[in-house]
Amino acid sequence: MSTISREEVARLAGLARIDLTDSELTRLAGELDVIVESVARVGEVATDDVPATSHPIPMTNVFRDDVVETPLTVEEALSGAPEALEGRFAVPQILGEEA
């Protein structure tokens, strides 16, 4: 027995401002009905003894521990820069303003 009718699909398509042909309405009504039945079948399987999960495998934190370290000195940070000026990275001027 179909739970999703062509009229319901047409109403939803109208709300979403999607133009559907008659054949698309019929096809989508059938496809949505299969989806609803599949979800209902999953609901029947999920019993109280089956724990709810959001992932099929356990997830673990993949981040490293936050360890405080000594920061780079200005000289170390600028050591790989093509050009430095007054302890800062020097870059080409792009806005045409006076420096």
PDB file of N, CA and C in Angstrom:
ATOM      1  N   MET A   1       0.836  -1.178   0.000  1.00  0.00           N
ATOM      2  CA  MET A   1       0.000   0.000   0.000  1.00  0.00           C
ATOM      3  C   MET A   1       0.882   1.243   0.000  1.00  0.00           C
ATOM      4  N   SER A   2       0.613   2.165  -0.879  1.00  0.00           N
ATOM      5  CA  SER A   2       1.410   3.373  -1.016  1.00  0.00           C
ATOM      6  C   SER A   2       1.100   4.371   0.095  1.00  0.00           C
ATOM      7  N   THR A   3       2.156   4.917   0.692  1.00  0.00           N
ATOM      8  CA  THR A   3       1.958   5.924   1.726  1.00  0.00           C
ATOM      9  C   THR A   3       2.189   7.328   1.193  1.00  0.00           C
ATOM     10  N   ILE A   4       2.895   7.452   0.078  1.00  0.00           N
ATOM     11  CA  ILE A   4       3.166   8.753  -0.541  1.00  0.00           C
ATOM     12  C   ILE A   4       2.389   8.820  -1.859  1.00  0.00           C
ATOM     13  N   SER A   5       1.489   9.769  -1.957  1.00  0.00           N
ATOM     14  CA  SER A   5       0.681   9.889  -3.177  1.00  0.00           C
ATOM     15  C   SER A   5       1.306  10.904  -4.136  1.00  0.00           C
ATOM     16  N   ARG A   6       0.862  10.843  -5.378  1.00  0.00           N
ATOM     17  CA  ARG A   6       1.311  11.805  -6.398  1.00  0.00           C
ATOM     18  C   ARG A   6       0.952  13.226  -5.965  1.00  0.00           C
ATOM     19  N   GLU A   7      -0.220  13.378  -5.326  1.00  0.00           N
ATOM     20  CA  GLU A   7      -0.660  14.699  -4.904  1.00  0.00           C
ATOM     21  C   GLU A   7       0.275  15.273  -3.836  1.00  0.00           C
ATOM     22  N   GLU A   8       0.736  14.401  -2.924  1.00  0.00           N
ATOM     23  CA  GLU A   8       1.670  14.860  -1.905  1.00  0.00           C
ATOM     24  C   GLU A   8       3.007  15.269  -2.516  1.00  0.00           C
ATOM     25  N   VAL A   9       3.459  14.507  -3.485  1.00  0.00           N
ATOM     26  CA  VAL A   9       4.711  14.846  -4.169  1.00  0.00           C
ATOM     27  C   VAL A   9       4.539  16.171  -4.914  1.00  0.00           C
ATOM     28  N   ALA A  10       3.397  16.350  -5.582  1.00  0.00           N
ATOM     29  CA  ALA A  10       3.143  17.595  -6.302  1.00  0.00           C
ATOM     30  C   ALA A  10       3.103  18.783  -5.335  1.00  0.00           C
ATOM     31  N   ARG A  11       2.497  18.593  -4.172  1.00  0.00           N
ATOM     32  CA  ARG A  11       2.425  19.669  -3.169  1.00  0.00           C
ATOM     33  C   ARG A  11       3.814  20.039  -2.673  1.00  0.00           C
ATOM     34  N   LEU A  12       4.627  19.019  -2.360  1.00  0.00           N
ATOM     35  CA  LEU A  12       5.993  19.280  -1.910  1.00  0.00           C
ATOM     36  C   LEU A  12       6.831  19.936  -2.997  1.00  0.00           C
ATOM     37  N   ALA A  13       6.643  19.490  -4.235  1.00  0.00           N
ATOM     38  CA  ALA A  13       7.375  20.094  -5.355  1.00  0.00           C
ATOM     39  C   ALA A  13       6.984  21.559  -5.507  1.00  0.00           C
ATOM     40  N   GLY A  14       5.710  21.852  -5.319  1.00  0.00           N
ATOM     41  CA  GLY A  14       5.258  23.239  -5.394  1.00  0.00           C
ATOM     42  C   GLY A  14       5.867  24.091  -4.299  1.00  0.00           C
ATOM     43  N   LEU A  15       5.935  23.540  -3.077  1.00  0.00           N
ATOM     44  CA  LEU A  15       6.542  24.274  -1.969  1.00  0.00           C
ATOM     45  C   LEU A  15       8.027  24.540  -2.229  1.00  0.00           C
ATOM     46  N   ALA A  16       8.690  23.580  -2.867  1.00  0.00           N
ATOM     47  CA  ALA A  16      10.110  23.715  -3.174  1.00  0.00           C
ATOM     48  C   ALA A  16      10.337  24.450  -4.494  1.00  0.00           C
ATOM     49  N   ARG A  17       9.244  24.822  -5.153  1.00  0.00           N
ATOM     50  CA  ARG A  17       9.296  25.515  -6.453  1.00  0.00           C
ATOM     51  C   ARG A  17      10.063  24.693  -7.498  1.00  0.00           C
ATOM     52  N   ILE A  18       9.713  23.409  -7.556  1.00  0.00           N
ATOM     53  CA  ILE A  18      10.298  22.493  -8.526  1.00  0.00           C
ATOM     54  C   ILE A  18       9.197  22.072  -9.483  1.00  0.00           C
ATOM     55  N   ASP A  19       9.418  22.269 -10.768  1.00  0.00           N
ATOM     56  CA  ASP A  19       8.450  21.834 -11.779  1.00  0.00           C
ATOM     57  C   ASP A  19       8.707  20.369 -12.114  1.00  0.00           C
ATOM     58  N   LEU A  20       7.689  19.533 -11.950  1.00  0.00           N
ATOM     59  CA  LEU A  20       7.802  18.116 -12.255  1.00  0.00           C
ATOM     60  C   LEU A  20       6.748  17.731 -13.276  1.00  0.00           C
ATOM     61  N   THR A  21       7.116  16.836 -14.168  1.00  0.00           N
ATOM     62  CA  THR A  21       6.158  16.320 -15.144  1.00  0.00           C
ATOM     63  C   THR A  21       5.311  15.241 -14.464  1.00  0.00           C
ATOM     64  N   ASP A  22       4.239  14.815 -15.162  1.00  0.00           N
ATOM     65  CA  ASP A  22       3.384  13.761 -14.620  1.00  0.00           C
ATOM     66  C   ASP A  22       4.166  12.471 -14.392  1.00  0.00           C
ATOM     67  N   SER A  23       5.049  12.133 -15.329  1.00  0.00           N
ATOM     68  CA  SER A  23       5.822  10.897 -15.172  1.00  0.00           C
ATOM     69  C   SER A  23       6.794  11.009 -14.001  1.00  0.00           C
ATOM     70  N   GLU A  24       7.370  12.209 -13.777  1.00  0.00           N
ATOM     71  CA  GLU A  24       8.267  12.397 -12.641  1.00  0.00           C
ATOM     72  C   GLU A  24       7.509  12.307 -11.323  1.00  0.00           C
ATOM     73  N   LEU A  25       6.291  12.839 -11.280  1.00  0.00           N
ATOM     74  CA  LEU A  25       5.472  12.741 -10.069  1.00  0.00           C
ATOM     75  C   LEU A  25       5.202  11.289  -9.715  1.00  0.00           C
ATOM     76  N   THR A  26       4.849  10.501 -10.721  1.00  0.00           N
ATOM     77  CA  THR A  26       4.564   9.085 -10.495  1.00  0.00           C
ATOM     78  C   THR A  26       5.815   8.346 -10.034  1.00  0.00           C
ATOM     79  N   ARG A  27       6.926   8.595 -10.718  1.00  0.00           N
ATOM     80  CA  ARG A  27       8.175   7.919 -10.376  1.00  0.00           C
ATOM     81  C   ARG A  27       8.634   8.300  -8.972  1.00  0.00           C
ATOM     82  N   LEU A  28       8.607   9.593  -8.648  1.00  0.00           N
ATOM     83  CA  LEU A  28       9.060  10.035  -7.334  1.00  0.00           C
ATOM     84  C   LEU A  28       8.152   9.549  -6.215  1.00  0.00           C
ATOM     85  N   ALA A  29       6.857   9.448  -6.480  1.00  0.00           N
ATOM     86  CA  ALA A  29       5.941   8.926  -5.460  1.00  0.00           C
ATOM     87  C   ALA A  29       6.332   7.489  -5.110  1.00  0.00           C
ATOM     88  N   GLY A  30       6.653   6.699  -6.115  1.00  0.00           N
ATOM     89  CA  GLY A  30       7.085   5.319  -5.874  1.00  0.00           C
ATOM     90  C   GLY A  30       8.414   5.255  -5.151  1.00  0.00           C
ATOM     91  N   GLU A  31       9.375   6.098  -5.557  1.00  0.00           N
ATOM     92  CA  GLU A  31      10.692   6.091  -4.936  1.00  0.00           C
ATOM     93  C   GLU A  31      10.611   6.548  -3.471  1.00  0.00           C
ATOM     94  N   LEU A  32       9.842   7.596  -3.216  1.00  0.00           N
ATOM     95  CA  LEU A  32       9.697   8.071  -1.846  1.00  0.00           C
ATOM     96  C   LEU A  32       8.984   7.039  -0.975  1.00  0.00           C
ATOM     97  N   ASP A  33       8.056   6.317  -1.567  1.00  0.00           N
ATOM     98  CA  ASP A  33       7.360   5.264  -0.829  1.00  0.00           C
ATOM     99  C   ASP A  33       8.339   4.174  -0.406  1.00  0.00           C
ATOM    100  N   VAL A  34       9.258   3.797  -1.298  1.00  0.00           N
ATOM    101  CA  VAL A  34      10.275   2.796  -0.970  1.00  0.00           C
ATOM    102  C   VAL A  34      11.155   3.301   0.171  1.00  0.00           C
ATOM    103  N   ILE A  35      11.517   4.573   0.132  1.00  0.00           N
ATOM    104  CA  ILE A  35      12.360   5.154   1.183  1.00  0.00           C
ATOM    105  C   ILE A  35      11.635   5.118   2.527  1.00  0.00           C
ATOM    106  N   VAL A  36      10.367   5.514   2.531  1.00  0.00           N
ATOM    107  CA  VAL A  36       9.590   5.518   3.778  1.00  0.00           C
ATOM    108  C   VAL A  36       9.469   4.102   4.332  1.00  0.00           C
ATOM    109  N   GLU A  37       9.224   3.127   3.470  1.00  0.00           N
ATOM    110  CA  GLU A  37       9.130   1.735   3.917  1.00  0.00           C
ATOM    111  C   GLU A  37      10.464   1.238   4.472  1.00  0.00           C
ATOM    112  N   SER A  38      11.571   1.643   3.843  1.00  0.00           N
ATOM    113  CA  SER A  38      12.894   1.220   4.318  1.00  0.00           C
ATOM    114  C   SER A  38      13.185   1.798   5.692  1.00  0.00           C
ATOM    115  N   VAL A  39      12.857   3.056   5.897  1.00  0.00           N
ATOM    116  CA  VAL A  39      13.069   3.681   7.204  1.00  0.00           C
ATOM    117  C   VAL A  39      12.205   3.006   8.256  1.00  0.00           C
ATOM    118  N   ALA A  40      10.979   2.667   7.907  1.00  0.00           N
ATOM    119  CA  ALA A  40      10.096   1.981   8.849  1.00  0.00           C
ATOM    120  C   ALA A  40      10.658   0.612   9.206  1.00  0.00           C
ATOM    121  N   ARG A  41      11.246  -0.072   8.236  1.00  0.00           N
ATOM    122  CA  ARG A  41      11.824  -1.391   8.493  1.00  0.00           C
ATOM    123  C   ARG A  41      13.019  -1.271   9.445  1.00  0.00           C
ATOM    124  N   VAL A  42      13.834  -0.248   9.271  1.00  0.00           N
ATOM    125  CA  VAL A  42      14.964  -0.027  10.180  1.00  0.00           C
ATOM    126  C   VAL A  42      14.448   0.256  11.581  1.00  0.00           C
ATOM    127  N   GLY A  43      13.361   1.012  11.682  1.00  0.00           N
ATOM    128  CA  GLY A  43      12.759   1.312  12.978  1.00  0.00           C
ATOM    129  C   GLY A  43      12.277   0.067  13.695  1.00  0.00           C
ATOM    130  N   GLU A  44      11.845  -0.938  12.938  1.00  0.00           N
ATOM    131  CA  GLU A  44      11.395  -2.189  13.545  1.00  0.00           C
ATOM    132  C   GLU A  44      12.572  -2.966  14.126  1.00  0.00           C
ATOM    133  N   VAL A  45      13.732  -2.887  13.506  1.00  0.00           N
ATOM    134  CA  VAL A  45      14.912  -3.630  13.937  1.00  0.00           C
ATOM    135  C   VAL A  45      15.520  -2.995  15.180  1.00  0.00           C
ATOM    136  N   ALA A  46      15.495  -1.674  15.260  1.00  0.00           N
ATOM    137  CA  ALA A  46      16.106  -0.970  16.388  1.00  0.00           C
ATOM    138  C   ALA A  46      15.263  -1.182  17.638  1.00  0.00           C
ATOM    139  N   THR A  47      15.710  -2.091  18.484  1.00  0.00           N
ATOM    140  CA  THR A  47      15.004  -2.395  19.731  1.00  0.00           C
ATOM    141  C   THR A  47      15.779  -1.833  20.901  1.00  0.00           C
ATOM    142  N   ASP A  48      15.256  -1.997  22.094  1.00  0.00           N
ATOM    143  CA  ASP A  48      15.897  -1.451  23.284  1.00  0.00           C
ATOM    144  C   ASP A  48      17.271  -2.064  23.554  1.00  0.00           C
ATOM    145  N   ASP A  49      17.489  -3.306  23.111  1.00  0.00           N
ATOM    146  CA  ASP A  49      18.781  -3.943  23.374  1.00  0.00           C
ATOM    147  C   ASP A  49      19.853  -3.560  22.355  1.00  0.00           C
ATOM    148  N   VAL A  50      19.495  -2.766  21.341  1.00  0.00           N
ATOM    149  CA  VAL A  50      20.468  -2.291  20.357  1.00  0.00           C
ATOM    150  C   VAL A  50      20.811  -0.849  20.703  1.00  0.00           C
ATOM    151  N   PRO A  51      22.081  -0.579  21.072  1.00  0.00           N
ATOM    152  CA  PRO A  51      22.441   0.795  21.447  1.00  0.00           C
ATOM    153  C   PRO A  51      22.419   1.727  20.235  1.00  0.00           C
ATOM    154  N   ALA A  52      21.996   2.946  20.476  1.00  0.00           N
ATOM    155  CA  ALA A  52      21.974   3.952  19.412  1.00  0.00           C
ATOM    156  C   ALA A  52      23.399   4.377  19.095  1.00  0.00           C
ATOM    157  N   THR A  53      23.717   4.477  17.818  1.00  0.00           N
ATOM    158  CA  THR A  53      25.049   4.905  17.396  1.00  0.00           C
ATOM    159  C   THR A  53      24.917   5.885  16.248  1.00  0.00           C
ATOM    160  N   SER A  54      25.895   6.760  16.145  1.00  0.00           N
ATOM    161  CA  SER A  54      25.919   7.674  15.005  1.00  0.00           C
ATOM    162  C   SER A  54      26.974   7.254  13.998  1.00  0.00           C
ATOM    163  N   HIS A  55      27.879   6.331  14.400  1.00  0.00           N
ATOM    164  CA  HIS A  55      28.935   5.849  13.524  1.00  0.00           C
ATOM    165  C   HIS A  55      29.056   4.337  13.685  1.00  0.00           C
ATOM    166  N   PRO A  56      29.326   3.629  12.598  1.00  0.00           N
ATOM    167  CA  PRO A  56      29.412   2.168  12.689  1.00  0.00           C
ATOM    168  C   PRO A  56      30.651   1.677  13.424  1.00  0.00           C
ATOM    169  N   ILE A  57      31.704   2.503  13.484  1.00  0.00           N
ATOM    170  CA  ILE A  57      32.911   2.107  14.208  1.00  0.00           C
ATOM    171  C   ILE A  57      33.186   3.153  15.284  1.00  0.00           C
ATOM    172  N   PRO A  58      33.821   2.759  16.371  1.00  0.00           N
ATOM    173  CA  PRO A  58      34.108   3.730  17.430  1.00  0.00           C
ATOM    174  C   PRO A  58      35.035   4.838  16.937  1.00  0.00           C
ATOM    175  N   MET A  59      34.742   6.053  17.354  1.00  0.00           N
ATOM    176  CA  MET A  59      35.582   7.175  16.957  1.00  0.00           C
ATOM    177  C   MET A  59      36.500   7.549  18.119  1.00  0.00           C
ATOM    178  N   THR A  60      37.727   7.905  17.794  1.00  0.00           N
ATOM    179  CA  THR A  60      38.672   8.345  18.803  1.00  0.00           C
ATOM    180  C   THR A  60      39.220   9.700  18.394  1.00  0.00           C
ATOM    181  N   ASN A  61      39.721  10.426  19.364  1.00  0.00           N
ATOM    182  CA  ASN A  61      40.301  11.729  19.103  1.00  0.00           C
ATOM    183  C   ASN A  61      41.604  11.539  18.329  1.00  0.00           C
ATOM    184  N   VAL A  62      41.735  12.191  17.196  1.00  0.00           N
ATOM    185  CA  VAL A  62      42.934  12.043  16.379  1.00  0.00           C
ATOM    186  C   VAL A  62      43.885  13.221  16.541  1.00  0.00           C
ATOM    187  N   PHE A  63      43.561  14.140  17.435  1.00  0.00           N
ATOM    188  CA  PHE A  63      44.409  15.303  17.646  1.00  0.00           C
ATOM    189  C   PHE A  63      45.502  14.976  18.659  1.00  0.00           C
ATOM    190  N   ARG A  64      46.627  15.641  18.500  1.00  0.00           N
ATOM    191  CA  ARG A  64      47.723  15.445  19.445  1.00  0.00           C
ATOM    192  C   ARG A  64      47.451  16.266  20.700  1.00  0.00           C
ATOM    193  N   ASP A  65      48.136  15.933  21.764  1.00  0.00           N
ATOM    194  CA  ASP A  65      48.012  16.694  23.002  1.00  0.00           C
ATOM    195  C   ASP A  65      48.521  18.109  22.785  1.00  0.00           C
ATOM    196  N   ASP A  66      47.907  19.057  23.443  1.00  0.00           N
ATOM    197  CA  ASP A  66      48.326  20.447  23.386  1.00  0.00           C
ATOM    198  C   ASP A  66      49.511  20.618  24.325  1.00  0.00           C
ATOM    199  N   VAL A  67      50.701  20.814  23.755  1.00  0.00           N
ATOM    200  CA  VAL A  67      51.907  20.934  24.553  1.00  0.00           C
ATOM    201  C   VAL A  67      52.479  22.336  24.344  1.00  0.00           C
ATOM    202  N   VAL A  68      52.733  23.033  25.433  1.00  0.00           N
ATOM    203  CA  VAL A  68      53.311  24.370  25.352  1.00  0.00           C
ATOM    204  C   VAL A  68      54.777  24.241  24.959  1.00  0.00           C
ATOM    205  N   GLU A  69      55.173  24.951  23.902  1.00  0.00           N
ATOM    206  CA  GLU A  69      56.555  24.931  23.438  1.00  0.00           C
ATOM    207  C   GLU A  69      57.060  26.348  23.311  1.00  0.00           C
ATOM    208  N   THR A  70      58.363  26.489  23.232  1.00  0.00           N
ATOM    209  CA  THR A  70      58.969  27.803  23.060  1.00  0.00           C
ATOM    210  C   THR A  70      58.684  28.288  21.638  1.00  0.00           C
ATOM    211  N   PRO A  71      58.143  29.506  21.489  1.00  0.00           N
ATOM    212  CA  PRO A  71      57.845  29.998  20.138  1.00  0.00           C
ATOM    213  C   PRO A  71      59.126  30.365  19.392  1.00  0.00           C
ATOM    214  N   LEU A  72      58.993  30.526  18.073  1.00  0.00           N
ATOM    215  CA  LEU A  72      60.130  30.947  17.261  1.00  0.00           C
ATOM    216  C   LEU A  72      60.507  32.379  17.604  1.00  0.00           C
ATOM    217  N   THR A  73      61.796  32.655  17.510  1.00  0.00           N
ATOM    218  CA  THR A  73      62.228  34.048  17.648  1.00  0.00           C
ATOM    219  C   THR A  73      61.912  34.759  16.338  1.00  0.00           C
ATOM    220  N   VAL A  74      61.969  36.072  16.342  1.00  0.00           N
ATOM    221  CA  VAL A  74      61.712  36.844  15.123  1.00  0.00           C
ATOM    222  C   VAL A  74      62.707  36.444  14.047  1.00  0.00           C
ATOM    223  N   GLU A  75      63.943  36.282  14.423  1.00  0.00           N
ATOM    224  CA  GLU A  75      64.983  35.921  13.457  1.00  0.00           C
ATOM    225  C   GLU A  75      64.704  34.540  12.836  1.00  0.00           C
ATOM    226  N   GLU A  76      64.266  33.575  13.672  1.00  0.00           N
ATOM    227  CA  GLU A  76      63.954  32.237  13.166  1.00  0.00           C
ATOM    228  C   GLU A  76      62.750  32.274  12.225  1.00  0.00           C
ATOM    229  N   ALA A  77      61.740  33.050  12.577  1.00  0.00           N
ATOM    230  CA  ALA A  77      60.548  33.140  11.741  1.00  0.00           C
ATOM    231  C   ALA A  77      60.857  33.784  10.406  1.00  0.00           C
ATOM    232  N   LEU A  78      61.727  34.770  10.396  1.00  0.00           N
ATOM    233  CA  LEU A  78      62.050  35.489   9.161  1.00  0.00           C
ATOM    234  C   LEU A  78      63.192  34.852   8.378  1.00  0.00           C
ATOM    235  N   SER A  79      63.788  33.783   8.904  1.00  0.00           N
ATOM    236  CA  SER A  79      64.965  33.183   8.264  1.00  0.00           C
ATOM    237  C   SER A  79      64.666  32.634   6.869  1.00  0.00           C
ATOM    238  N   GLY A  80      63.459  32.189   6.613  1.00  0.00           N
ATOM    239  CA  GLY A  80      63.128  31.652   5.294  1.00  0.00           C
ATOM    240  C   GLY A  80      62.418  32.645   4.390  1.00  0.00           C
ATOM    241  N   ALA A  81      62.222  33.870   4.870  1.00  0.00           N
ATOM    242  CA  ALA A  81      61.508  34.875   4.077  1.00  0.00           C
ATOM    243  C   ALA A  81      62.403  35.409   2.971  1.00  0.00           C
ATOM    244  N   PRO A  82      61.861  35.636   1.770  1.00  0.00           N
ATOM    245  CA  PRO A  82      62.674  36.207   0.691  1.00  0.00           C
ATOM    246  C   PRO A  82      63.180  37.610   1.036  1.00  0.00           C
ATOM    247  N   GLU A  83      62.355  38.358   1.802  1.00  0.00           N
ATOM    248  CA  GLU A  83      62.758  39.714   2.169  1.00  0.00           C
ATOM    249  C   GLU A  83      62.093  40.079   3.496  1.00  0.00           C
ATOM    250  N   ALA A  84      62.841  40.771   4.339  1.00  0.00           N
ATOM    251  CA  ALA A  84      62.315  41.224   5.625  1.00  0.00           C
ATOM    252  C   ALA A  84      62.676  42.690   5.801  1.00  0.00           C
ATOM    253  N   LEU A  85      61.827  43.408   6.526  1.00  0.00           N
ATOM    254  CA  LEU A  85      62.060  44.834   6.759  1.00  0.00           C
ATOM    255  C   LEU A  85      61.606  45.169   8.169  1.00  0.00           C
ATOM    256  N   GLU A  86      62.502  45.664   8.986  1.00  0.00           N
ATOM    257  CA  GLU A  86      62.208  46.073  10.347  1.00  0.00           C
ATOM    258  C   GLU A  86      61.538  44.959  11.172  1.00  0.00           C
ATOM    259  N   GLY A  87      62.047  43.733  11.029  1.00  0.00           N
ATOM    260  CA  GLY A  87      61.537  42.621  11.822  1.00  0.00           C
ATOM    261  C   GLY A  87      60.191  42.094  11.358  1.00  0.00           C
ATOM    262  N   ARG A  88      59.818  42.372  10.128  1.00  0.00           N
ATOM    263  CA  ARG A  88      58.540  41.901   9.580  1.00  0.00           C
ATOM    264  C   ARG A  88      58.759  41.351   8.177  1.00  0.00           C
ATOM    265  N   PHE A  89      57.790  40.541   7.707  1.00  0.00           N
ATOM    266  CA  PHE A  89      57.841  40.058   6.335  1.00  0.00           C
ATOM    267  C   PHE A  89      57.602  41.241   5.399  1.00  0.00           C
ATOM    268  N   ALA A  90      58.433  41.369   4.377  1.00  0.00           N
ATOM    269  CA  ALA A  90      58.248  42.430   3.387  1.00  0.00           C
ATOM    270  C   ALA A  90      57.521  41.822   2.190  1.00  0.00           C
ATOM    271  N   VAL A  91      56.430  42.457   1.783  1.00  0.00           N
ATOM    272  CA  VAL A  91      55.629  41.989   0.645  1.00  0.00           C
ATOM    273  C   VAL A  91      55.420  43.130  -0.322  1.00  0.00           C
ATOM    274  N   PRO A  92      55.139  42.831  -1.586  1.00  0.00           N
ATOM    275  CA  PRO A  92      54.917  43.914  -2.542  1.00  0.00           C
ATOM    276  C   PRO A  92      53.679  44.710  -2.192  1.00  0.00           C
ATOM    277  N   GLN A  93      53.720  46.003  -2.459  1.00  0.00           N
ATOM    278  CA  GLN A  93      52.572  46.857  -2.208  1.00  0.00           C
ATOM    279  C   GLN A  93      51.524  46.564  -3.268  1.00  0.00           C
ATOM    280  N   ILE A  94      50.241  46.406  -2.848  1.00  0.00           N
ATOM    281  CA  ILE A  94      49.206  46.043  -3.816  1.00  0.00           C
ATOM    282  C   ILE A  94      48.091  47.071  -3.907  1.00  0.00           C
ATOM    283  N   LEU A  95      47.986  47.999  -2.985  1.00  0.00           N
ATOM    284  CA  LEU A  95      46.868  48.923  -2.990  1.00  0.00           C
ATOM    285  C   LEU A  95      47.225  50.298  -3.544  1.00  0.00           C
ATOM    286  N   GLY A  96      48.473  50.525  -3.856  1.00  0.00           N
ATOM    287  CA  GLY A  96      48.863  51.793  -4.426  1.00  0.00           C
ATOM    288  C   GLY A  96      48.885  52.932  -3.423  1.00  0.00           C
ATOM    289  N   GLU A  97      48.890  52.622  -2.143  1.00  0.00           N
ATOM    290  CA  GLU A  97      48.937  53.655  -1.119  1.00  0.00           C
ATOM    291  C   GLU A  97      50.378  53.983  -0.785  1.00  0.00           C
ATOM    292  N   GLU A  98      50.575  55.162  -0.226  1.00  0.00           N
ATOM    293  CA  GLU A  98      51.911  55.551   0.208  1.00  0.00           C
ATOM    294  C   GLU A  98      52.312  54.724   1.420  1.00  0.00           C
ATOM    295  N   ALA A  99      53.546  54.308   1.461  1.00  0.00           N
ATOM    296  CA  ALA A  99      54.028  53.504   2.592  1.00  0.00           C
ATOM    297  C   ALA A  99      54.278  54.359   3.806  1.00  0.00           C
TER     298      ALA A  99
END
